N, C-alpha and C. Protein backbone atom coordinates (compact mmCIF):
# COMPACT_ATOMS: atom_id res chain seq x y z
N UNK A 1 -27.54 -22.60 -9.26
CA UNK A 1 -26.91 -21.67 -10.17
C UNK A 1 -26.03 -20.72 -9.34
N UNK A 2 -24.86 -20.40 -9.87
CA UNK A 2 -23.91 -19.53 -9.18
C UNK A 2 -24.26 -18.06 -9.44
N UNK A 3 -24.32 -17.29 -8.37
CA UNK A 3 -24.58 -15.85 -8.49
C UNK A 3 -23.22 -15.14 -8.60
N UNK A 4 -22.76 -14.97 -9.84
CA UNK A 4 -21.43 -14.41 -10.09
C UNK A 4 -21.32 -12.97 -9.61
N UNK A 5 -22.40 -12.22 -9.73
CA UNK A 5 -22.37 -10.82 -9.28
C UNK A 5 -22.16 -10.74 -7.77
N UNK A 6 -22.82 -11.61 -7.03
CA UNK A 6 -22.67 -11.62 -5.58
C UNK A 6 -21.26 -12.06 -5.19
N UNK A 7 -20.74 -13.06 -5.90
CA UNK A 7 -19.37 -13.50 -5.63
C UNK A 7 -18.36 -12.39 -5.91
N UNK A 8 -18.55 -11.70 -7.01
CA UNK A 8 -17.64 -10.61 -7.36
C UNK A 8 -17.73 -9.48 -6.33
N UNK A 9 -18.93 -9.15 -5.90
CA UNK A 9 -19.12 -8.10 -4.89
C UNK A 9 -18.42 -8.49 -3.59
N UNK A 10 -18.54 -9.75 -3.20
CA UNK A 10 -17.87 -10.22 -1.98
C UNK A 10 -16.36 -10.20 -2.14
N UNK A 11 -15.87 -10.59 -3.30
CA UNK A 11 -14.42 -10.56 -3.57
C UNK A 11 -13.89 -9.13 -3.44
N UNK A 12 -14.60 -8.20 -4.04
CA UNK A 12 -14.18 -6.79 -3.98
C UNK A 12 -14.21 -6.29 -2.54
N UNK A 13 -15.25 -6.64 -1.80
CA UNK A 13 -15.36 -6.22 -0.40
C UNK A 13 -14.18 -6.74 0.41
N UNK A 14 -13.84 -8.01 0.22
CA UNK A 14 -12.72 -8.60 0.96
C UNK A 14 -11.39 -7.98 0.56
N UNK A 15 -11.21 -7.71 -0.72
CA UNK A 15 -9.96 -7.09 -1.18
C UNK A 15 -9.78 -5.70 -0.60
N UNK A 16 -10.85 -4.97 -0.48
CA UNK A 16 -10.76 -3.61 0.06
C UNK A 16 -10.41 -3.61 1.54
N UNK A 17 -10.69 -4.69 2.23
CA UNK A 17 -10.36 -4.78 3.65
C UNK A 17 -8.91 -5.17 3.88
N UNK A 18 -8.22 -5.64 2.85
CA UNK A 18 -6.84 -6.09 2.99
C UNK A 18 -5.89 -4.91 3.07
N UNK A 19 -4.87 -5.06 3.88
CA UNK A 19 -3.80 -4.07 3.93
C UNK A 19 -2.85 -4.34 2.76
N UNK A 20 -1.95 -3.42 2.53
CA UNK A 20 -0.95 -3.62 1.48
C UNK A 20 -0.11 -4.85 1.80
N UNK A 21 0.27 -4.99 3.06
CA UNK A 21 1.09 -6.14 3.46
C UNK A 21 0.33 -7.45 3.22
N UNK A 22 -0.94 -7.49 3.58
CA UNK A 22 -1.74 -8.70 3.35
C UNK A 22 -1.87 -9.00 1.86
N UNK A 23 -2.04 -7.96 1.06
CA UNK A 23 -2.14 -8.14 -0.39
C UNK A 23 -0.86 -8.74 -0.96
N UNK A 24 0.28 -8.21 -0.51
CA UNK A 24 1.56 -8.75 -0.99
C UNK A 24 1.76 -10.19 -0.54
N UNK A 25 1.35 -10.51 0.68
CA UNK A 25 1.46 -11.89 1.17
C UNK A 25 0.61 -12.82 0.31
N UNK A 26 -0.60 -12.38 -0.05
CA UNK A 26 -1.46 -13.19 -0.91
C UNK A 26 -0.82 -13.39 -2.29
N UNK A 27 -0.27 -12.31 -2.82
CA UNK A 27 0.37 -12.40 -4.13
C UNK A 27 1.53 -13.39 -4.11
N UNK A 28 2.35 -13.30 -3.08
CA UNK A 28 3.51 -14.19 -3.00
C UNK A 28 3.09 -15.64 -2.77
N UNK A 29 2.03 -15.86 -2.02
CA UNK A 29 1.52 -17.22 -1.82
C UNK A 29 1.02 -17.80 -3.15
N UNK A 30 0.33 -17.00 -3.93
CA UNK A 30 -0.12 -17.45 -5.25
C UNK A 30 1.07 -17.72 -6.17
N UNK A 31 2.06 -16.85 -6.09
CA UNK A 31 3.27 -17.04 -6.90
C UNK A 31 3.92 -18.39 -6.59
N UNK A 32 4.05 -18.71 -5.30
CA UNK A 32 4.65 -19.99 -4.91
C UNK A 32 3.79 -21.17 -5.38
N UNK A 33 2.49 -21.06 -5.22
CA UNK A 33 1.59 -22.16 -5.60
C UNK A 33 1.59 -22.41 -7.10
N UNK A 34 1.72 -21.35 -7.87
CA UNK A 34 1.63 -21.47 -9.33
C UNK A 34 2.99 -21.56 -10.03
N UNK A 35 4.05 -21.58 -9.26
CA UNK A 35 5.40 -21.59 -9.84
C UNK A 35 5.61 -22.69 -10.89
N UNK A 36 5.16 -23.94 -10.65
CA UNK A 36 5.35 -24.97 -11.68
C UNK A 36 4.67 -24.62 -13.02
N UNK A 37 3.46 -24.06 -12.94
CA UNK A 37 2.77 -23.66 -14.17
C UNK A 37 3.48 -22.48 -14.83
N UNK A 38 3.99 -21.55 -14.01
CA UNK A 38 4.71 -20.42 -14.57
C UNK A 38 5.94 -20.89 -15.34
N UNK A 39 6.65 -21.85 -14.76
CA UNK A 39 7.85 -22.36 -15.43
C UNK A 39 7.50 -23.07 -16.74
N UNK A 40 6.40 -23.82 -16.74
CA UNK A 40 6.00 -24.57 -17.92
C UNK A 40 5.57 -23.64 -19.07
N UNK A 41 5.01 -22.49 -18.73
CA UNK A 41 4.51 -21.58 -19.76
C UNK A 41 5.36 -20.31 -19.87
N UNK A 42 6.55 -20.35 -19.32
CA UNK A 42 7.42 -19.17 -19.25
C UNK A 42 7.61 -18.51 -20.61
N UNK A 43 7.96 -19.26 -21.61
CA UNK A 43 8.24 -18.68 -22.93
C UNK A 43 7.00 -18.03 -23.54
N UNK A 44 5.87 -18.62 -23.32
CA UNK A 44 4.62 -18.13 -23.91
C UNK A 44 4.16 -16.81 -23.28
N UNK A 45 4.28 -16.71 -21.95
CA UNK A 45 3.73 -15.55 -21.24
C UNK A 45 4.78 -14.59 -20.69
N UNK A 46 6.03 -14.79 -21.02
CA UNK A 46 7.10 -13.95 -20.46
C UNK A 46 6.89 -12.45 -20.69
N UNK A 47 6.55 -12.00 -21.89
CA UNK A 47 6.38 -10.55 -22.09
C UNK A 47 5.30 -9.95 -21.17
N UNK A 48 4.17 -10.64 -21.02
CA UNK A 48 3.11 -10.14 -20.15
C UNK A 48 3.55 -10.11 -18.69
N UNK A 49 4.24 -11.15 -18.27
CA UNK A 49 4.71 -11.20 -16.88
C UNK A 49 5.72 -10.10 -16.60
N UNK A 50 6.62 -9.86 -17.53
CA UNK A 50 7.62 -8.82 -17.33
C UNK A 50 6.95 -7.44 -17.26
N UNK A 51 5.95 -7.23 -18.11
CA UNK A 51 5.22 -5.96 -18.08
C UNK A 51 4.49 -5.80 -16.75
N UNK A 52 3.89 -6.88 -16.26
CA UNK A 52 3.20 -6.82 -14.97
C UNK A 52 4.18 -6.53 -13.84
N UNK A 53 5.32 -7.18 -13.85
CA UNK A 53 6.30 -6.95 -12.79
C UNK A 53 6.84 -5.52 -12.83
N UNK A 54 7.04 -4.98 -14.02
CA UNK A 54 7.49 -3.59 -14.14
C UNK A 54 6.43 -2.65 -13.58
N UNK A 55 5.17 -2.91 -13.89
CA UNK A 55 4.08 -2.09 -13.35
C UNK A 55 4.02 -2.20 -11.83
N UNK A 56 4.18 -3.41 -11.32
CA UNK A 56 4.16 -3.62 -9.87
C UNK A 56 5.29 -2.84 -9.20
N UNK A 57 6.47 -2.87 -9.78
CA UNK A 57 7.59 -2.12 -9.22
C UNK A 57 7.30 -0.62 -9.21
N UNK A 58 6.70 -0.12 -10.27
CA UNK A 58 6.35 1.30 -10.33
C UNK A 58 5.31 1.65 -9.26
N UNK A 59 4.32 0.79 -9.09
CA UNK A 59 3.29 1.04 -8.08
C UNK A 59 3.88 1.00 -6.68
N UNK A 60 4.78 0.06 -6.42
CA UNK A 60 5.42 -0.01 -5.11
C UNK A 60 6.30 1.22 -4.85
N UNK A 61 6.97 1.70 -5.89
CA UNK A 61 7.79 2.91 -5.76
C UNK A 61 6.91 4.11 -5.44
N UNK A 62 5.74 4.21 -6.10
CA UNK A 62 4.81 5.31 -5.80
C UNK A 62 4.28 5.19 -4.37
N UNK A 63 3.98 3.98 -3.94
CA UNK A 63 3.52 3.77 -2.56
C UNK A 63 4.60 4.19 -1.58
N UNK A 64 5.84 3.82 -1.85
CA UNK A 64 6.95 4.19 -0.97
C UNK A 64 7.09 5.70 -0.90
N UNK A 65 7.01 6.37 -2.05
CA UNK A 65 7.11 7.83 -2.08
C UNK A 65 5.97 8.46 -1.29
N UNK A 66 4.75 7.95 -1.47
CA UNK A 66 3.59 8.47 -0.75
C UNK A 66 3.78 8.30 0.75
N UNK A 67 4.26 7.13 1.18
CA UNK A 67 4.48 6.90 2.61
C UNK A 67 5.52 7.87 3.17
N UNK A 68 6.59 8.11 2.41
CA UNK A 68 7.60 9.07 2.86
C UNK A 68 7.00 10.47 2.98
N UNK A 69 6.18 10.85 2.02
CA UNK A 69 5.54 12.18 2.07
C UNK A 69 4.60 12.28 3.27
N UNK A 70 3.88 11.20 3.56
CA UNK A 70 2.98 11.21 4.71
C UNK A 70 3.76 11.37 6.01
N UNK A 71 4.88 10.64 6.12
CA UNK A 71 5.71 10.74 7.33
C UNK A 71 6.28 12.15 7.47
N UNK A 72 6.72 12.73 6.37
CA UNK A 72 7.26 14.09 6.39
C UNK A 72 6.18 15.08 6.80
N UNK A 73 4.99 14.93 6.23
CA UNK A 73 3.89 15.83 6.55
C UNK A 73 3.50 15.69 8.02
N UNK A 74 3.46 14.46 8.52
CA UNK A 74 3.13 14.24 9.93
C UNK A 74 4.19 14.85 10.84
N UNK A 75 5.45 14.71 10.45
CA UNK A 75 6.54 15.31 11.23
C UNK A 75 6.44 16.82 11.26
N UNK A 76 6.08 17.42 10.13
CA UNK A 76 5.92 18.88 10.06
C UNK A 76 4.76 19.33 10.94
N UNK A 77 3.66 18.58 10.92
CA UNK A 77 2.51 18.91 11.76
C UNK A 77 2.88 18.80 13.23
N UNK A 78 3.60 17.74 13.59
CA UNK A 78 4.03 17.57 14.98
C UNK A 78 4.91 18.73 15.42
N UNK A 79 5.82 19.14 14.56
CA UNK A 79 6.72 20.25 14.89
C UNK A 79 5.93 21.55 15.04
N UNK A 80 4.94 21.75 14.18
CA UNK A 80 4.10 22.95 14.25
C UNK A 80 3.30 22.97 15.54
N UNK A 81 2.73 21.84 15.92
CA UNK A 81 1.97 21.75 17.16
C UNK A 81 2.88 22.01 18.35
N UNK A 82 4.06 21.42 18.35
CA UNK A 82 5.02 21.63 19.44
C UNK A 82 5.40 23.10 19.54
N UNK A 83 5.64 23.72 18.40
CA UNK A 83 6.01 25.13 18.36
C UNK A 83 4.88 25.99 18.90
N UNK A 84 3.66 25.68 18.49
CA UNK A 84 2.49 26.42 18.94
C UNK A 84 2.30 26.25 20.45
N UNK A 85 2.45 25.02 20.92
CA UNK A 85 2.31 24.77 22.35
C UNK A 85 3.39 25.49 23.14
N UNK A 86 4.61 25.50 22.64
CA UNK A 86 5.71 26.20 23.31
C UNK A 86 5.44 27.70 23.34
N UNK A 87 4.99 28.25 22.26
CA UNK A 87 4.69 29.68 22.21
C UNK A 87 3.53 30.00 23.15
N UNK A 88 2.56 29.14 23.21
CA UNK A 88 1.41 29.35 24.11
C UNK A 88 1.83 29.30 25.56
N UNK A 89 2.72 28.39 25.91
CA UNK A 89 3.16 28.28 27.30
C UNK A 89 4.02 29.48 27.68
N UNK A 90 4.77 30.03 26.71
CA UNK A 90 5.59 31.21 26.97
C UNK A 90 4.68 32.40 27.26
N UNK A 91 3.62 32.53 26.46
CA UNK A 91 2.68 33.62 26.65
C UNK A 91 1.99 33.48 27.99
N UNK A 92 1.59 32.27 28.35
CA UNK A 92 0.92 32.03 29.61
C UNK A 92 1.86 32.35 30.76
N UNK A 93 3.11 31.97 30.63
CA UNK A 93 4.09 32.20 31.69
C UNK A 93 4.32 33.70 31.87
N UNK A 94 4.44 34.43 30.76
CA UNK A 94 4.71 35.86 30.87
C UNK A 94 3.51 36.63 31.38
N UNK A 95 2.29 36.12 31.20
CA UNK A 95 1.09 36.77 31.71
C UNK A 95 0.90 36.51 33.18
N UNK A 96 1.58 35.52 33.74
CA UNK A 96 1.37 35.15 35.13
C UNK A 96 1.98 36.16 36.05
């Protein structure tokens, strides 16, 4: 007998270990493998597929925005640390 709960738990564990790039590679590999079936059922499932693709584009746009914000925040922190270190070295130099 198949333990579906254990299989699902393992699937979730493996998915959580994947990077965004690995997830996209998996998605594209599935897309290529299933392309003949997608073409055969295109008319039937087109609205759902279009909705999914629109959602995917929105999620990727949010990810891109988040990454830009992270880079900006990291740059600001680096500048603050550099400024603090420069000010500290000036104080140390003037105390010498």
